[in-house]
Amino acid sequence: MKAGPDIAMVAALVGDPARSNMLTALMTGRALTASELAHQAGVTPQTASSHLAKLEAGGLVEQEKQGRHRYYRLSDPDVAAVLEGLEGLAARAGHMRVRTGPKDPALRRARVCYDHLAGDLGVQMLDSMKKQRFVRQRRQDIELTAEGERFLTDSLQISANALSHPRRPLCRACLDWSERRHHLAGMLGAAILSRFTELKWTMRDPAPGSRVVNFTRIGEKRFATLFGDGK
């Protein structure tokens, strides 16, 4: 028996169609009930409970009890990063879902990847931040510069010192499945999207399971002013 991480076990958990649909639904960053996840997966509540028990035992999801309800969410941002990477691999290999619709362009333009901005605008933002020397990137490692700290404070009222976390990096590159390039993840990526929402520059699509992020008219203008087209 070979030593080391058991990739096969994790792959088996993610590889089941119903479980993969549940995990994808949790990529919205919202906590969902077992009934809501059953609907997203197209299975009965009993089958959903069985799948969720396996995902929880495998460390991919965690639950929180509130009153009579149990809510499930991804256990860690790393799980979201792996799922986003798998979506990119599936897209490159031509394994796309056959059901398409009017939301597909919106999903590719701007969406939430667990708690940070992804899609064309997410990639554009990171490109612009690199061009303006707010961050430096070396492969998946991203470093916030002194210029970047000043930009965050002056333009978005975000303090980089307040974003320290014992288990999560400040900045991280996340491979975008639709653009096949990196967008900004980590505590900073989450803080920026949260700030966009606070300023009413963005709104989440209210449809259950939707990951679409819609920019308001003022949000479009402010985003263009701050980040322009970094390509």
C-alpha atoms as a PDB file:
ATOM      1  CA  MET A   1       0.000   0.000   0.000  1.00  0.00           C
ATOM      2  CA  LYS A   2       1.356   3.394  -0.961  1.00  0.00           C
ATOM      3  CA  ALA A   3       1.531   6.096   1.686  1.00  0.00           C
ATOM      4  CA  GLY A   4       0.204   9.622   1.300  1.00  0.00           C
ATOM      5  CA  PRO A   5      -3.114  11.368   0.639  1.00  0.00           C
ATOM      6  CA  ASP A   6      -5.940   9.184  -0.669  1.00  0.00           C
ATOM      7  CA  ILE A   7      -6.893  10.951  -3.891  1.00  0.00           C
ATOM      8  CA  ALA A   8      -9.136   8.071  -4.947  1.00  0.00           C
ATOM      9  CA  MET A   9     -11.399   8.489  -1.918  1.00  0.00           C
ATOM     10  CA  VAL A  10     -11.938  12.192  -2.566  1.00  0.00           C
ATOM     11  CA  ALA A  11     -12.393  11.576  -6.301  1.00  0.00           C
ATOM     12  CA  ALA A  12     -15.033   8.931  -5.577  1.00  0.00           C
ATOM     13  CA  LEU A  13     -16.957  11.350  -3.371  1.00  0.00           C
ATOM     14  CA  VAL A  14     -16.883  14.125  -5.959  1.00  0.00           C
ATOM     15  CA  GLY A  15     -17.401  11.782  -8.923  1.00  0.00           C
ATOM     16  CA  ASP A  16     -20.952  10.755  -8.103  1.00  0.00           C
ATOM     17  CA  PRO A  17     -23.327  12.913 -10.236  1.00  0.00           C
ATOM     18  CA  ALA A  18     -25.733  13.669  -7.388  1.00  0.00           C
ATOM     19  CA  ARG A  19     -22.941  14.577  -4.984  1.00  0.00           C
ATOM     20  CA  SER A  20     -21.174  16.705  -7.592  1.00  0.00           C
ATOM     21  CA  ASN A  21     -24.421  18.630  -8.152  1.00  0.00           C
ATOM     22  CA  MET A  22     -24.708  19.215  -4.407  1.00  0.00           C
ATOM     23  CA  LEU A  23     -21.131  20.427  -4.158  1.00  0.00           C
ATOM     24  CA  THR A  24     -21.605  22.720  -7.145  1.00  0.00           C
ATOM     25  CA  ALA A  25     -24.724  24.196  -5.514  1.00  0.00           C
ATOM     26  CA  LEU A  26     -22.661  24.943  -2.404  1.00  0.00           C
ATOM     27  CA  MET A  27     -20.157  26.845  -4.546  1.00  0.00           C
ATOM     28  CA  THR A  28     -22.549  29.781  -4.136  1.00  0.00           C
ATOM     29  CA  GLY A  29     -21.125  30.165  -0.627  1.00  0.00           C
ATOM     30  CA  ARG A  30     -24.617  29.915   0.836  1.00  0.00           C
ATOM     31  CA  ALA A  31     -25.567  27.278   3.378  1.00  0.00           C
ATOM     32  CA  LEU A  32     -28.374  25.064   2.062  1.00  0.00           C
ATOM     33  CA  THR A  33     -30.699  22.544   3.681  1.00  0.00           C
ATOM     34  CA  ALA A  34     -30.764  18.875   2.767  1.00  0.00           C
ATOM     35  CA  SER A  35     -34.113  19.424   1.005  1.00  0.00           C
ATOM     36  CA  GLU A  36     -32.684  22.249  -1.092  1.00  0.00           C
ATOM     37  CA  LEU A  37     -29.668  20.145  -1.990  1.00  0.00           C
ATOM     38  CA  ALA A  38     -31.909  17.203  -2.857  1.00  0.00           C
ATOM     39  CA  HIS A  39     -33.728  19.465  -5.322  1.00  0.00           C
ATOM     40  CA  GLN A  40     -30.440  20.647  -6.835  1.00  0.00           C
ATOM     41  CA  ALA A  41     -29.241  17.062  -7.209  1.00  0.00           C
ATOM     42  CA  GLY A  42     -32.556  15.685  -8.500  1.00  0.00           C
ATOM     43  CA  VAL A  43     -32.774  12.983  -5.821  1.00  0.00           C
ATOM     44  CA  THR A  44     -35.132  12.132  -2.979  1.00  0.00           C
ATOM     45  CA  PRO A  45     -34.550  13.645   0.480  1.00  0.00           C
ATOM     46  CA  GLN A  46     -33.568  10.212   1.818  1.00  0.00           C
ATOM     47  CA  THR A  47     -30.964   9.741  -0.916  1.00  0.00           C
ATOM     48  CA  ALA A  48     -29.684  13.264  -0.347  1.00  0.00           C
ATOM     49  CA  SER A  49     -29.202  12.572   3.363  1.00  0.00           C
ATOM     50  CA  SER A  50     -27.144   9.494   2.529  1.00  0.00           C
ATOM     51  CA  HIS A  51     -24.958  11.448   0.118  1.00  0.00           C
ATOM     52  CA  LEU A  52     -24.499  14.309   2.589  1.00  0.00           C
ATOM     53  CA  ALA A  53     -23.443  11.893   5.315  1.00  0.00           C
ATOM     54  CA  LYS A  54     -20.718  10.565   3.014  1.00  0.00           C
ATOM     55  CA  LEU A  55     -19.578  14.063   2.045  1.00  0.00           C
ATOM     56  CA  GLU A  56     -19.459  15.097   5.687  1.00  0.00           C
ATOM     57  CA  ALA A  57     -17.537  11.981   6.697  1.00  0.00           C
ATOM     58  CA  GLY A  58     -15.095  12.697   3.867  1.00  0.00           C
ATOM     59  CA  GLY A  59     -14.502  16.219   5.140  1.00  0.00           C
ATOM     60  CA  LEU A  60     -15.936  18.012   2.096  1.00  0.00           C
ATOM     61  CA  VAL A  61     -18.994  19.552   3.756  1.00  0.00           C
ATOM     62  CA  GLU A  62     -19.994  20.540   7.263  1.00  0.00           C
ATOM     63  CA  GLN A  63     -23.376  21.096   8.830  1.00  0.00           C
ATOM     64  CA  GLU A  64     -24.828  23.637  11.212  1.00  0.00           C
ATOM     65  CA  LYS A  65     -28.034  23.131  13.170  1.00  0.00           C
ATOM     66  CA  GLN A  66     -30.436  26.037  13.549  1.00  0.00           C
ATOM     67  CA  GLY A  67     -33.751  25.216  15.135  1.00  0.00           C
ATOM     68  CA  ARG A  68     -35.246  22.220  13.376  1.00  0.00           C
ATOM     69  CA  HIS A  69     -33.127  22.671  10.287  1.00  0.00           C
ATOM     70  CA  ARG A  70     -29.661  21.535   9.361  1.00  0.00           C
ATOM     71  CA  TYR A  71     -27.695  23.655   6.942  1.00  0.00           C
ATOM     72  CA  TYR A  72     -24.767  22.416   4.883  1.00  0.00           C
ATOM     73  CA  ARG A  73     -21.826  24.330   3.439  1.00  0.00           C
ATOM     74  CA  LEU A  74     -18.436  23.477   1.982  1.00  0.00           C
ATOM     75  CA  SER A  75     -16.048  22.690   4.802  1.00  0.00           C
ATOM     76  CA  ASP A  76     -13.212  24.880   3.559  1.00  0.00           C
ATOM     77  CA  PRO A  77     -12.328  27.333   0.753  1.00  0.00           C
ATOM     78  CA  ASP A  78      -9.806  24.750  -0.479  1.00  0.00           C
ATOM     79  CA  VAL A  79     -12.732  22.499  -1.415  1.00  0.00           C
ATOM     80  CA  ALA A  80     -14.134  25.292  -3.584  1.00  0.00           C
ATOM     81  CA  ALA A  81     -10.740  25.805  -5.237  1.00  0.00           C
ATOM     82  CA  VAL A  82     -10.517  22.105  -6.118  1.00  0.00           C
ATOM     83  CA  LEU A  83     -14.053  22.120  -7.543  1.00  0.00           C
ATOM     84  CA  GLU A  84     -13.317  25.222  -9.646  1.00  0.00           C
ATOM     85  CA  GLY A  85     -10.199  23.480 -10.961  1.00  0.00           C
ATOM     86  CA  LEU A  86     -12.181  20.374 -11.843  1.00  0.00           C
ATOM     87  CA  GLU A  87     -14.720  22.513 -13.690  1.00  0.00           C
ATOM     88  CA  GLY A  88     -11.880  23.992 -15.722  1.00  0.00           C
ATOM     89  CA  LEU A  89     -10.493  20.539 -16.496  1.00  0.00           C
ATOM     90  CA  ALA A  90     -13.940  19.312 -17.546  1.00  0.00           C
ATOM     91  CA  ALA A  91     -14.415  22.346 -19.801  1.00  0.00           C
ATOM     92  CA  ARG A  92     -11.008  21.895 -21.453  1.00  0.00           C
ATOM     93  CA  ALA A  93     -11.700  18.211 -22.017  1.00  0.00           C
ATOM     94  CA  GLY A  94     -15.069  18.999 -23.617  1.00  0.00           C
ATOM     95  CA  HIS A  95     -17.209  17.517 -20.836  1.00  0.00           C
ATOM     96  CA  MET A  96     -19.871  20.207 -20.684  1.00  0.00           C
ATOM     97  CA  ARG A  97     -23.438  19.963 -19.443  1.00  0.00           C
ATOM     98  CA  VAL A  98     -25.867  19.797 -22.339  1.00  0.00           C
ATOM     99  CA  ARG A  99     -28.444  22.097 -20.738  1.00  0.00           C
ATOM    100  CA  THR A 100     -27.755  25.716 -21.626  1.00  0.00           C
ATOM    101  CA  GLY A 101     -29.770  28.852 -21.120  1.00  0.00           C
ATOM    102  CA  PRO A 102     -29.798  32.639 -21.025  1.00  0.00           C
ATOM    103  CA  LYS A 103     -27.862  32.719 -17.741  1.00  0.00           C
ATOM    104  CA  ASP A 104     -24.788  31.070 -19.266  1.00  0.00           C
ATOM    105  CA  PRO A 105     -23.278  34.350 -20.571  1.00  0.00           C
ATOM    106  CA  ALA A 106     -23.990  36.003 -17.206  1.00  0.00           C
ATOM    107  CA  LEU A 107     -22.328  33.091 -15.387  1.00  0.00           C
ATOM    108  CA  ARG A 108     -19.219  33.439 -17.511  1.00  0.00           C
ATOM    109  CA  ARG A 109     -19.127  37.213 -17.089  1.00  0.00           C
ATOM    110  CA  ALA A 110     -19.319  37.381 -13.286  1.00  0.00           C
ATOM    111  CA  ARG A 111     -20.075  34.726 -10.697  1.00  0.00           C
ATOM    112  CA  VAL A 112     -19.234  33.845  -7.148  1.00  0.00           C
ATOM    113  CA  CYS A 113     -16.606  31.177  -6.553  1.00  0.00           C
ATOM    114  CA  TYR A 114     -17.465  30.288  -2.958  1.00  0.00           C
ATOM    115  CA  ASP A 115     -16.885  33.819  -1.601  1.00  0.00           C
ATOM    116  CA  HIS A 116     -14.847  35.689  -4.222  1.00  0.00           C
ATOM    117  CA  LEU A 117     -15.420  37.086  -7.709  1.00  0.00           C
ATOM    118  CA  ALA A 118     -14.867  34.795 -10.684  1.00  0.00           C
ATOM    119  CA  GLY A 119     -15.591  34.884 -14.397  1.00  0.00           C
ATOM    120  CA  ASP A 120     -14.418  37.428 -16.946  1.00  0.00           C
ATOM    121  CA  LEU A 121     -14.636  40.338 -14.500  1.00  0.00           C
ATOM    122  CA  GLY A 122     -12.822  38.411 -11.771  1.00  0.00           C
ATOM    123  CA  VAL A 123      -9.940  37.674 -14.147  1.00  0.00           C
ATOM    124  CA  GLN A 124      -9.980  41.269 -15.390  1.00  0.00           C
ATOM    125  CA  MET A 125      -9.737  42.568 -11.830  1.00  0.00           C
ATOM    126  CA  LEU A 126      -6.664  40.479 -11.025  1.00  0.00           C
ATOM    127  CA  ASP A 127      -5.005  41.408 -14.332  1.00  0.00           C
ATOM    128  CA  SER A 128      -5.603  45.082 -13.605  1.00  0.00           C
ATOM    129  CA  MET A 129      -4.271  44.782 -10.066  1.00  0.00           C
ATOM    130  CA  LYS A 130      -1.082  43.240 -11.429  1.00  0.00           C
ATOM    131  CA  LYS A 131      -0.773  45.891 -14.124  1.00  0.00           C
ATOM    132  CA  GLN A 132      -1.185  48.662 -11.533  1.00  0.00           C
ATOM    133  CA  ARG A 133       1.346  46.872  -9.290  1.00  0.00           C
ATOM    134  CA  PHE A 134      -1.122  46.389  -6.471  1.00  0.00           C
ATOM    135  CA  VAL A 135      -0.151  42.693  -6.365  1.00  0.00           C
ATOM    136  CA  ARG A 136       2.704  40.529  -7.605  1.00  0.00           C
ATOM    137  CA  GLN A 137       2.050  37.007  -8.856  1.00  0.00           C
ATOM    138  CA  ARG A 138       4.379  34.053  -9.179  1.00  0.00           C
ATOM    139  CA  ARG A 139       2.393  31.039 -10.341  1.00  0.00           C
ATOM    140  CA  GLN A 140      -0.317  30.519  -7.682  1.00  0.00           C
ATOM    141  CA  ASP A 141       1.352  32.766  -5.113  1.00  0.00           C
ATOM    142  CA  ILE A 142       0.099  36.349  -5.011  1.00  0.00           C
ATOM    143  CA  GLU A 143       1.634  39.029  -2.823  1.00  0.00           C
ATOM    144  CA  LEU A 144      -0.048  42.320  -1.910  1.00  0.00           C
ATOM    145  CA  THR A 145       2.283  45.280  -2.432  1.00  0.00           C
ATOM    146  CA  ALA A 146       2.549  48.511  -0.433  1.00  0.00           C
ATOM    147  CA  GLU A 147       0.839  50.277  -3.348  1.00  0.00           C
ATOM    148  CA  GLY A 148      -1.921  47.704  -3.134  1.00  0.00           C
ATOM    149  CA  GLU A 149      -2.435  48.301   0.578  1.00  0.00           C
ATOM    150  CA  ARG A 150      -2.806  52.030  -0.057  1.00  0.00           C
ATOM    151  CA  PHE A 151      -5.243  51.350  -2.903  1.00  0.00           C
ATOM    152  CA  LEU A 152      -7.403  49.136  -0.700  1.00  0.00           C
ATOM    153  CA  THR A 153      -7.508  51.713   2.082  1.00  0.00           C
ATOM    154  CA  ASP A 154      -8.081  54.767  -0.121  1.00  0.00           C
ATOM    155  CA  SER A 155     -10.435  53.320  -2.745  1.00  0.00           C
ATOM    156  CA  LEU A 156     -12.326  50.534  -0.970  1.00  0.00           C
ATOM    157  CA  GLN A 157     -11.805  51.260   2.751  1.00  0.00           C
ATOM    158  CA  ILE A 158     -10.387  47.767   3.275  1.00  0.00           C
ATOM    159  CA  SER A 159      -7.582  47.295   5.805  1.00  0.00           C
ATOM    160  CA  ALA A 160      -5.214  44.517   4.802  1.00  0.00           C
ATOM    161  CA  ASN A 161      -4.128  44.173   8.446  1.00  0.00           C
ATOM    162  CA  ALA A 162      -7.672  43.156   9.392  1.00  0.00           C
ATOM    163  CA  LEU A 163      -7.686  40.242   6.940  1.00  0.00           C
ATOM    164  CA  SER A 164      -5.210  37.928   8.658  1.00  0.00           C
ATOM    165  CA  HIS A 165      -6.441  34.362   9.131  1.00  0.00           C
ATOM    166  CA  PRO A 166      -4.581  31.415  10.692  1.00  0.00           C
ATOM    167  CA  ARG A 167      -5.693  28.913   8.053  1.00  0.00           C
ATOM    168  CA  ARG A 168      -6.288  30.971   4.927  1.00  0.00           C
ATOM    169  CA  PRO A 169      -3.827  33.042   2.893  1.00  0.00           C
ATOM    170  CA  LEU A 170      -4.377  36.739   2.282  1.00  0.00           C
ATOM    171  CA  CYS A 171      -4.090  36.293  -1.488  1.00  0.00           C
ATOM    172  CA  ARG A 172      -4.328  33.215  -3.657  1.00  0.00           C
ATOM    173  CA  ALA A 173      -4.635  32.532  -7.373  1.00  0.00           C
ATOM    174  CA  CYS A 174      -7.685  30.452  -8.311  1.00  0.00           C
ATOM    175  CA  LEU A 175      -7.868  29.011 -11.823  1.00  0.00           C
ATOM    176  CA  ASP A 176     -11.058  30.259 -13.457  1.00  0.00           C
ATOM    177  CA  TRP A 177     -12.918  27.462 -15.265  1.00  0.00           C
ATOM    178  CA  SER A 178     -14.508  29.662 -17.945  1.00  0.00           C
ATOM    179  CA  GLU A 179     -11.606  32.019 -18.621  1.00  0.00           C
ATOM    180  CA  ARG A 180      -8.883  29.391 -17.997  1.00  0.00           C
ATOM    181  CA  ARG A 181      -6.814  32.048 -16.276  1.00  0.00           C
ATOM    182  CA  HIS A 182      -6.496  33.112 -12.643  1.00  0.00           C
ATOM    183  CA  HIS A 183      -8.809  35.231 -10.553  1.00  0.00           C
ATOM    184  CA  LEU A 184      -8.149  36.476  -7.008  1.00  0.00           C
ATOM    185  CA  ALA A 185      -9.100  34.225  -4.096  1.00  0.00           C
ATOM    186  CA  GLY A 186      -8.064  34.165  -0.438  1.00  0.00           C
ATOM    187  CA  MET A 187      -9.128  36.540   2.304  1.00  0.00           C
ATOM    188  CA  LEU A 188      -8.552  39.548   0.050  1.00  0.00           C
ATOM    189  CA  GLY A 189     -10.685  38.196  -2.791  1.00  0.00           C
ATOM    190  CA  ALA A 190     -13.507  37.527  -0.327  1.00  0.00           C
ATOM    191  CA  ALA A 191     -13.170  40.976   1.270  1.00  0.00           C
ATOM    192  CA  ILE A 192     -13.300  42.780  -2.075  1.00  0.00           C
ATOM    193  CA  LEU A 193     -16.481  41.007  -3.216  1.00  0.00           C
ATOM    194  CA  SER A 194     -18.047  41.598   0.194  1.00  0.00           C
ATOM    195  CA  ARG A 195     -17.174  45.289  -0.091  1.00  0.00           C
ATOM    196  CA  PHE A 196     -18.709  45.449  -3.575  1.00  0.00           C
ATOM    197  CA  THR A 197     -21.944  44.107  -2.069  1.00  0.00           C
ATOM    198  CA  GLU A 198     -21.854  46.539   0.861  1.00  0.00           C
ATOM    199  CA  LEU A 199     -21.452  49.441  -1.572  1.00  0.00           C
ATOM    200  CA  LYS A 200     -24.343  48.053  -3.662  1.00  0.00           C
ATOM    201  CA  TRP A 201     -22.071  47.658  -6.668  1.00  0.00           C
ATOM    202  CA  THR A 202     -23.087  44.001  -6.994  1.00  0.00           C
ATOM    203  CA  MET A 203     -26.141  41.873  -6.292  1.00  0.00           C
ATOM    204  CA  ARG A 204     -26.446  38.111  -6.185  1.00  0.00           C
ATOM    205  CA  ASP A 205     -28.949  36.381  -8.449  1.00  0.00           C
ATOM    206  CA  PRO A 206     -31.752  35.286  -6.052  1.00  0.00           C
ATOM    207  CA  ALA A 207     -32.489  32.058  -7.958  1.00  0.00           C
ATOM    208  CA  PRO A 208     -31.721  28.971  -5.830  1.00  0.00           C
ATOM    209  CA  GLY A 209     -28.317  27.544  -6.666  1.00  0.00           C
ATOM    210  CA  SER A 210     -27.377  30.468  -8.932  1.00  0.00           C
ATOM    211  CA  ARG A 211     -23.793  31.710  -8.795  1.00  0.00           C
ATOM    212  CA  VAL A 212     -24.388  34.727 -11.027  1.00  0.00           C
ATOM    213  CA  VAL A 213     -23.174  38.099  -9.732  1.00  0.00           C
ATOM    214  CA  ASN A 214     -24.910  41.110 -11.290  1.00  0.00           C
ATOM    215  CA  PHE A 215     -23.254  44.524 -11.284  1.00  0.00           C
ATOM    216  CA  THR A 216     -25.468  47.565 -10.763  1.00  0.00           C
ATOM    217  CA  ARG A 217     -25.134  50.588 -13.031  1.00  0.00           C
ATOM    218  CA  ILE A 218     -22.970  52.451 -10.501  1.00  0.00           C
ATOM    219  CA  GLY A 219     -21.067  49.247  -9.848  1.00  0.00           C
ATOM    220  CA  GLU A 220     -20.212  48.921 -13.535  1.00  0.00           C
ATOM    221  CA  LYS A 221     -18.866  52.477 -13.577  1.00  0.00           C
ATOM    222  CA  ARG A 222     -16.852  52.174 -10.368  1.00  0.00           C
ATOM    223  CA  PHE A 223     -15.416  48.792 -11.391  1.00  0.00           C
ATOM    224  CA  ALA A 224     -14.346  50.235 -14.744  1.00  0.00           C
ATOM    225  CA  THR A 225     -12.747  53.217 -13.009  1.00  0.00           C
ATOM    226  CA  LEU A 226     -10.789  51.097 -10.538  1.00  0.00           C
ATOM    227  CA  PHE A 227      -9.878  48.122 -12.695  1.00  0.00           C
ATOM    228  CA  GLY A 228     -10.600  49.000 -16.317  1.00  0.00           C
ATOM    229  CA  ASP A 229      -9.562  46.308 -18.773  1.00  0.00           C
ATOM    230  CA  GLY A 230      -6.425  44.686 -17.401  1.00  0.00           C
ATOM    231  CA  LYS A 231      -5.895  42.351 -20.348  1.00  0.00           C
END
